[in-house]
């Protein structure tokens, strides 16, 4: 084989390797784009889940506060009614003593 033949063979081998490398780069670039898209989708899902969790915590705190307030009101009403029961018998006793 002469020098020209060897150069042509070497050039075609280099061109083939270059072409294969370009194809590999193209394939990897497509994979990267696909993975970035999937990653962004997952990031959005995480943001939505965090928002949902925060909203649920907020609602839970509000419900707990309302329940606590309701219990305090009920407790206050019970205390008021128990005080009223204590007062009524005293009035009856006093009025009974006055009648005698």
C-alpha atoms as a PDB file:
ATOM      1  CA  UNK A   1       0.000   0.000   0.000  1.00  0.00           C
ATOM      2  CA  UNK A   2       1.380   3.368  -0.879  1.00  0.00           C
ATOM      3  CA  UNK A   3       1.353   6.558   1.213  1.00  0.00           C
ATOM      4  CA  UNK A   4      -1.771   7.896  -0.478  1.00  0.00           C
ATOM      5  CA  UNK A   5      -3.646   4.690   0.238  1.00  0.00           C
ATOM      6  CA  UNK A   6      -2.582   4.711   3.866  1.00  0.00           C
ATOM      7  CA  UNK A   7      -3.613   8.357   4.241  1.00  0.00           C
ATOM      8  CA  UNK A   8      -7.020   7.649   2.719  1.00  0.00           C
ATOM      9  CA  UNK A   9      -7.503   4.662   4.997  1.00  0.00           C
ATOM     10  CA  UNK A  10      -6.414   6.677   8.032  1.00  0.00           C
ATOM     11  CA  UNK A  11      -8.630   9.603   7.050  1.00  0.00           C
ATOM     12  CA  UNK A  12     -11.678   7.391   6.581  1.00  0.00           C
ATOM     13  CA  UNK A  13     -11.015   5.698   9.938  1.00  0.00           C
ATOM     14  CA  UNK A  14     -10.734   9.091  11.639  1.00  0.00           C
ATOM     15  CA  UNK A  15     -13.888  10.311   9.880  1.00  0.00           C
ATOM     16  CA  UNK A  16     -15.757   7.197  10.948  1.00  0.00           C
ATOM     17  CA  UNK A  17     -14.615   7.632  14.569  1.00  0.00           C
ATOM     18  CA  UNK A  18     -15.578  11.312  14.451  1.00  0.00           C
ATOM     19  CA  UNK A  19     -19.012  10.471  13.030  1.00  0.00           C
ATOM     20  CA  UNK A  20     -19.571   7.820  15.717  1.00  0.00           C
ATOM     21  CA  UNK A  21     -18.538  10.275  18.418  1.00  0.00           C
ATOM     22  CA  UNK A  22     -20.938  12.909  17.053  1.00  0.00           C
ATOM     23  CA  UNK A  23     -23.745  10.344  17.092  1.00  0.00           C
ATOM     24  CA  UNK A  24     -22.873   9.424  20.660  1.00  0.00           C
ATOM     25  CA  UNK A  25     -22.917  13.105  21.668  1.00  0.00           C
ATOM     26  CA  UNK A  26     -26.295  13.555  19.981  1.00  0.00           C
ATOM     27  CA  UNK A  27     -27.730  10.533  21.826  1.00  0.00           C
ATOM     28  CA  UNK A  28     -26.351  11.714  25.155  1.00  0.00           C
ATOM     29  CA  UNK A  29     -27.724  15.222  24.571  1.00  0.00           C
ATOM     30  CA  UNK A  30     -31.187  13.770  23.970  1.00  0.00           C
ATOM     31  CA  UNK A  31     -30.918  11.737  27.174  1.00  0.00           C
ATOM     32  CA  UNK A  32     -29.845  14.850  29.094  1.00  0.00           C
ATOM     33  CA  UNK A  33     -32.834  16.820  27.756  1.00  0.00           C
ATOM     34  CA  UNK A  34     -35.159  13.980  28.663  1.00  0.00           C
ATOM     35  CA  UNK A  35     -33.736  13.705  32.181  1.00  0.00           C
ATOM     36  CA  UNK A  36     -33.886  17.482  32.693  1.00  0.00           C
ATOM     37  CA  UNK A  37     -37.533  17.462  31.655  1.00  0.00           C
ATOM     38  CA  UNK A  38     -38.294  14.608  34.068  1.00  0.00           C
ATOM     39  CA  UNK A  39     -36.346  16.393  36.812  1.00  0.00           C
ATOM     40  CA  UNK A  40     -38.325  19.614  36.314  1.00  0.00           C
ATOM     41  CA  UNK A  41     -41.556  17.624  36.415  1.00  0.00           C
ATOM     42  CA  UNK A  42     -40.512  16.045  39.720  1.00  0.00           C
ATOM     43  CA  UNK A  43     -39.482  19.436  41.125  1.00  0.00           C
ATOM     44  CA  UNK A  44     -42.956  20.768  40.316  1.00  0.00           C
ATOM     45  CA  UNK A  45     -44.530  17.761  42.022  1.00  0.00           C
ATOM     46  CA  UNK A  46     -42.408  18.345  45.128  1.00  0.00           C
ATOM     47  CA  UNK A  47     -43.423  22.028  45.220  1.00  0.00           C
ATOM     48  CA  UNK A  48     -47.096  21.080  44.971  1.00  0.00           C
ATOM     49  CA  UNK A  49     -46.737  18.473  47.711  1.00  0.00           C
ATOM     50  CA  UNK A  50     -44.973  20.957  49.996  1.00  0.00           C
ATOM     51  CA  UNK A  51     -47.753  23.487  49.401  1.00  0.00           C
ATOM     52  CA  UNK A  52     -50.367  20.841  50.152  1.00  0.00           C
ATOM     53  CA  UNK A  53     -48.603  19.843  53.363  1.00  0.00           C
ATOM     54  CA  UNK A  54     -48.316  23.466  54.476  1.00  0.00           C
ATOM     55  CA  UNK A  55     -51.999  24.044  53.718  1.00  0.00           C
ATOM     56  CA  UNK A  56     -52.994  20.901  55.625  1.00  0.00           C
ATOM     57  CA  UNK A  57     -50.892  21.970  58.630  1.00  0.00           C
ATOM     58  CA  UNK A  58     -52.454  25.423  58.544  1.00  0.00           C
ATOM     59  CA  UNK A  59     -55.978  23.996  58.380  1.00  0.00           C
ATOM     60  CA  UNK A  60     -55.180  21.530  61.157  1.00  0.00           C
ATOM     61  CA  UNK A  61     -53.947  24.319  63.419  1.00  0.00           C
ATOM     62  CA  UNK A  62     -57.074  26.360  62.688  1.00  0.00           C
ATOM     63  CA  UNK A  63     -59.318  23.389  63.452  1.00  0.00           C
ATOM     64  CA  UNK A  64     -57.449  22.682  66.688  1.00  0.00           C
ATOM     65  CA  UNK A  65     -57.822  26.317  67.707  1.00  0.00           C
ATOM     66  CA  UNK A  66     -61.553  26.279  66.951  1.00  0.00           C
ATOM     67  CA  UNK A  67     -62.001  23.072  68.948  1.00  0.00           C
ATOM     68  CA  UNK A  68     -60.067  24.565  71.865  1.00  0.00           C
ATOM     69  CA  UNK A  69     -62.180  27.726  71.763  1.00  0.00           C
ATOM     70  CA  UNK A  70     -65.367  25.670  71.617  1.00  0.00           C
ATOM     71  CA  UNK A  71     -64.287  23.589  74.631  1.00  0.00           C
ATOM     72  CA  UNK A  72     -63.437  26.737  76.563  1.00  0.00           C
ATOM     73  CA  UNK A  73     -66.880  28.168  75.785  1.00  0.00           C
ATOM     74  CA  UNK A  74     -68.563  24.946  76.860  1.00  0.00           C
ATOM     75  CA  UNK A  75     -66.474  24.864  80.026  1.00  0.00           C
ATOM     76  CA  UNK A  76     -67.402  28.479  80.781  1.00  0.00           C
ATOM     77  CA  UNK A  77     -71.088  27.717  80.228  1.00  0.00           C
ATOM     78  CA  UNK A  78     -70.890  24.704  82.557  1.00  0.00           C
ATOM     79  CA  UNK A  79     -69.192  26.797  85.219  1.00  0.00           C
ATOM     80  CA  UNK A  80     -71.849  29.494  84.889  1.00  0.00           C
ATOM     81  CA  UNK A  81     -74.682  26.978  85.182  1.00  0.00           C
ATOM     82  CA  UNK A  82     -73.078  25.286  88.180  1.00  0.00           C
ATOM     83  CA  UNK A  83     -72.751  28.674  89.869  1.00  0.00           C
ATOM     84  CA  UNK A  84     -76.408  29.373  89.142  1.00  0.00           C
ATOM     85  CA  UNK A  85     -77.386  26.087  90.794  1.00  0.00           C
ATOM     86  CA  UNK A  86     -75.443  27.058  93.872  1.00  0.00           C
ATOM     87  CA  UNK A  87     -77.125  30.448  94.065  1.00  0.00           C
ATOM     88  CA  UNK A  88     -80.691  29.213  93.677  1.00  0.00           C
ATOM     89  CA  UNK A  89     -80.748  26.967  96.745  1.00  0.00           C
ATOM     90  CA  UNK A  90     -79.325  29.782  98.843  1.00  0.00           C
ATOM     91  CA  UNK A  91     -82.119  32.074  97.751  1.00  0.00           C
ATOM     92  CA  UNK A  92     -84.671  29.413  98.587  1.00  0.00           C
ATOM     93  CA  UNK A  93     -83.134  28.874 101.999  1.00  0.00           C
ATOM     94  CA  UNK A  94     -83.149  32.582 102.747  1.00  0.00           C
ATOM     95  CA  UNK A  95     -86.713  33.015 101.515  1.00  0.00           C
ATOM     96  CA  UNK A  96     -87.805  29.985 103.564  1.00  0.00           C
ATOM     97  CA  UNK A  97     -86.211  31.474 106.691  1.00  0.00           C
ATOM     98  CA  UNK A  98     -87.946  34.788 106.105  1.00  0.00           C
ATOM     99  CA  UNK A  99     -91.312  33.070 105.737  1.00  0.00           C
ATOM    100  CA  UNK A 100     -90.987  31.426 109.157  1.00  0.00           C
END
